[in-house]
Amino acid sequence: MSLPISSINSIPQIDQIPLDRASQSSGGGEFQNILKATIQEVEKSHANASGAVQNFLTGEDGELHSTVLATQTAELQFDMFMQVRNKVVSAYQEIMRMQI
């Protein structure tokens, strides 16, 4: 019996993030919350993949296609997170090089 395919949760788009005066004055709290949520999502995906591999190797309720799907999902989410991180670091470095 195969399990239904679940959708991959994506990082919220910039236009979906609410920006009001209260969150802007809190010192970047909204960005911090988004970053924490994204890191937790990537870690949860990795844990799910590890659990799927463990279940497959021990023979308890693990199917090959669901195991491969879980590991690929975790890998893609991690790769996407690293690309976003690299862009943020690059933007920060560019801002720091600006002369005032």
C-alpha atoms as a PDB file:
ATOM      1  CA  MET A   1       0.000   0.000   0.000  1.00  0.00           C
ATOM      2  CA  SER A   2       1.445   3.331  -0.982  1.00  0.00           C
ATOM      3  CA  LEU A   3       1.179   6.536   0.953  1.00  0.00           C
ATOM      4  CA  PRO A   4      -0.241   9.685  -0.655  1.00  0.00           C
ATOM      5  CA  ILE A   5       2.268  12.184  -1.981  1.00  0.00           C
ATOM      6  CA  SER A   6       2.390  15.273   0.202  1.00  0.00           C
ATOM      7  CA  SER A   7       3.238  18.706  -1.078  1.00  0.00           C
ATOM      8  CA  ILE A   8       6.532  20.424  -0.341  1.00  0.00           C
ATOM      9  CA  ASN A   9       6.162  23.477   1.853  1.00  0.00           C
ATOM     10  CA  SER A  10       7.912  26.395   0.262  1.00  0.00           C
ATOM     11  CA  ILE A  11       9.515  29.470   1.696  1.00  0.00           C
ATOM     12  CA  PRO A  12       6.977  32.321   1.820  1.00  0.00           C
ATOM     13  CA  GLN A  13       7.245  34.845  -0.980  1.00  0.00           C
ATOM     14  CA  ILE A  14       8.276  38.380  -0.094  1.00  0.00           C
ATOM     15  CA  ASP A  15       4.863  39.787  -1.015  1.00  0.00           C
ATOM     16  CA  GLN A  16       3.169  37.286   1.342  1.00  0.00           C
ATOM     17  CA  ILE A  17       5.072  38.542   4.387  1.00  0.00           C
ATOM     18  CA  PRO A  18       3.103  41.129   6.358  1.00  0.00           C
ATOM     19  CA  LEU A  19       5.095  44.297   6.922  1.00  0.00           C
ATOM     20  CA  ASP A  20       3.626  46.677   9.450  1.00  0.00           C
ATOM     21  CA  ARG A  21       5.197  49.352  11.625  1.00  0.00           C
ATOM     22  CA  ALA A  22       5.171  47.166  14.756  1.00  0.00           C
ATOM     23  CA  SER A  23       7.238  44.371  13.220  1.00  0.00           C
ATOM     24  CA  GLN A  24       9.657  46.817  11.580  1.00  0.00           C
ATOM     25  CA  SER A  25      10.367  48.603  14.839  1.00  0.00           C
ATOM     26  CA  SER A  26      11.102  45.353  16.692  1.00  0.00           C
ATOM     27  CA  GLY A  27      14.589  45.171  15.209  1.00  0.00           C
ATOM     28  CA  GLY A  28      14.094  42.647  12.422  1.00  0.00           C
ATOM     29  CA  GLY A  29      11.994  40.197  14.400  1.00  0.00           C
ATOM     30  CA  GLU A  30       9.933  39.183  11.377  1.00  0.00           C
ATOM     31  CA  PHE A  31      13.021  38.167   9.389  1.00  0.00           C
ATOM     32  CA  GLN A  32      14.271  36.242  12.397  1.00  0.00           C
ATOM     33  CA  ASN A  33      10.937  34.417  12.708  1.00  0.00           C
ATOM     34  CA  ILE A  34      10.934  33.506   9.013  1.00  0.00           C
ATOM     35  CA  LEU A  35      14.518  32.289   9.231  1.00  0.00           C
ATOM     36  CA  LYS A  36      13.793  30.160  12.303  1.00  0.00           C
ATOM     37  CA  ALA A  37      10.676  28.671  10.717  1.00  0.00           C
ATOM     38  CA  THR A  38      12.568  27.845   7.539  1.00  0.00           C
ATOM     39  CA  ILE A  39      15.424  26.206   9.436  1.00  0.00           C
ATOM     40  CA  GLN A  40      12.933  24.176  11.463  1.00  0.00           C
ATOM     41  CA  GLU A  41      11.176  23.074   8.260  1.00  0.00           C
ATOM     42  CA  VAL A  42      14.471  21.939   6.717  1.00  0.00           C
ATOM     43  CA  GLU A  43      15.419  20.088   9.911  1.00  0.00           C
ATOM     44  CA  LYS A  44      11.992  18.443  10.074  1.00  0.00           C
ATOM     45  CA  SER A  45      12.333  17.306   6.467  1.00  0.00           C
ATOM     46  CA  HIS A  46      15.762  15.855   7.244  1.00  0.00           C
ATOM     47  CA  ALA A  47      14.386  14.030  10.275  1.00  0.00           C
ATOM     48  CA  ASN A  48      11.518  12.615   8.187  1.00  0.00           C
ATOM     49  CA  ALA A  49      13.994  11.390   5.583  1.00  0.00           C
ATOM     50  CA  SER A  50      16.183   9.797   8.241  1.00  0.00           C
ATOM     51  CA  GLY A  51      13.161   8.091   9.740  1.00  0.00           C
ATOM     52  CA  ALA A  52      12.034   6.834   6.339  1.00  0.00           C
ATOM     53  CA  VAL A  53      15.487   5.397   5.621  1.00  0.00           C
ATOM     54  CA  GLN A  54      15.592   3.775   9.054  1.00  0.00           C
ATOM     55  CA  ASN A  55      12.126   2.256   8.549  1.00  0.00           C
ATOM     56  CA  PHE A  56      13.127   0.947   5.137  1.00  0.00           C
ATOM     57  CA  LEU A  57      16.372  -0.584   6.389  1.00  0.00           C
ATOM     58  CA  THR A  58      14.716  -2.286   9.355  1.00  0.00           C
ATOM     59  CA  GLY A  59      11.854  -3.539   7.193  1.00  0.00           C
ATOM     60  CA  GLU A  60       9.099  -1.944   9.216  1.00  0.00           C
ATOM     61  CA  ASP A  61       6.512  -0.127   7.131  1.00  0.00           C
ATOM     62  CA  GLY A  62       9.032   1.394   4.735  1.00  0.00           C
ATOM     63  CA  GLU A  63       8.628   1.366   0.974  1.00  0.00           C
ATOM     64  CA  LEU A  64      11.396   2.187  -1.449  1.00  0.00           C
ATOM     65  CA  HIS A  65       9.561   4.907  -3.366  1.00  0.00           C
ATOM     66  CA  SER A  66       8.431   6.743  -0.223  1.00  0.00           C
ATOM     67  CA  THR A  67      11.955   6.525   1.189  1.00  0.00           C
ATOM     68  CA  VAL A  68      13.503   7.933  -1.996  1.00  0.00           C
ATOM     69  CA  LEU A  69      10.833  10.638  -2.148  1.00  0.00           C
ATOM     70  CA  ALA A  70      11.508  11.672   1.454  1.00  0.00           C
ATOM     71  CA  THR A  71      15.272  11.835   0.925  1.00  0.00           C
ATOM     72  CA  GLN A  72      14.925  13.793  -2.329  1.00  0.00           C
ATOM     73  CA  THR A  73      12.526  16.219  -0.664  1.00  0.00           C
ATOM     74  CA  ALA A  74      14.974  16.778   2.185  1.00  0.00           C
ATOM     75  CA  GLU A  75      17.857  17.252  -0.244  1.00  0.00           C
ATOM     76  CA  LEU A  76      15.943  19.737  -2.400  1.00  0.00           C
ATOM     77  CA  GLN A  77      14.788  21.747   0.613  1.00  0.00           C
ATOM     78  CA  PHE A  78      18.338  21.883   1.957  1.00  0.00           C
ATOM     79  CA  ASP A  79      19.727  22.927  -1.441  1.00  0.00           C
ATOM     80  CA  MET A  80      17.104  25.653  -1.778  1.00  0.00           C
ATOM     81  CA  PHE A  81      17.831  26.880   1.748  1.00  0.00           C
ATOM     82  CA  MET A  82      21.565  27.030   1.006  1.00  0.00           C
ATOM     83  CA  GLN A  83      20.956  28.991  -2.203  1.00  0.00           C
ATOM     84  CA  VAL A  84      18.805  31.507  -0.325  1.00  0.00           C
ATOM     85  CA  ARG A  85      21.441  31.727   2.410  1.00  0.00           C
ATOM     86  CA  ASN A  86      24.155  32.353  -0.168  1.00  0.00           C
ATOM     87  CA  LYS A  87      22.089  35.143  -1.752  1.00  0.00           C
ATOM     88  CA  VAL A  88      21.460  36.763   1.643  1.00  0.00           C
ATOM     89  CA  VAL A  89      25.144  36.605   2.556  1.00  0.00           C
ATOM     90  CA  SER A  90      26.083  38.017  -0.840  1.00  0.00           C
ATOM     91  CA  ALA A  91      23.600  40.880  -0.430  1.00  0.00           C
ATOM     92  CA  TYR A  92      24.912  41.597   3.075  1.00  0.00           C
ATOM     93  CA  GLN A  93      28.494  41.674   1.813  1.00  0.00           C
ATOM     94  CA  GLU A  94      27.497  44.004  -0.993  1.00  0.00           C
ATOM     95  CA  ILE A  95      25.820  46.381   1.461  1.00  0.00           C
ATOM     96  CA  MET A  96      28.876  46.321   3.715  1.00  0.00           C
ATOM     97  CA  ARG A  97      31.085  47.312   0.754  1.00  0.00           C
ATOM     98  CA  MET A  98      28.987  50.413   0.063  1.00  0.00           C
ATOM     99  CA  GLN A  99      30.588  53.696   0.973  1.00  0.00           C
ATOM    100  CA  ILE A 100      28.624  56.210   2.953  1.00  0.00           C
END
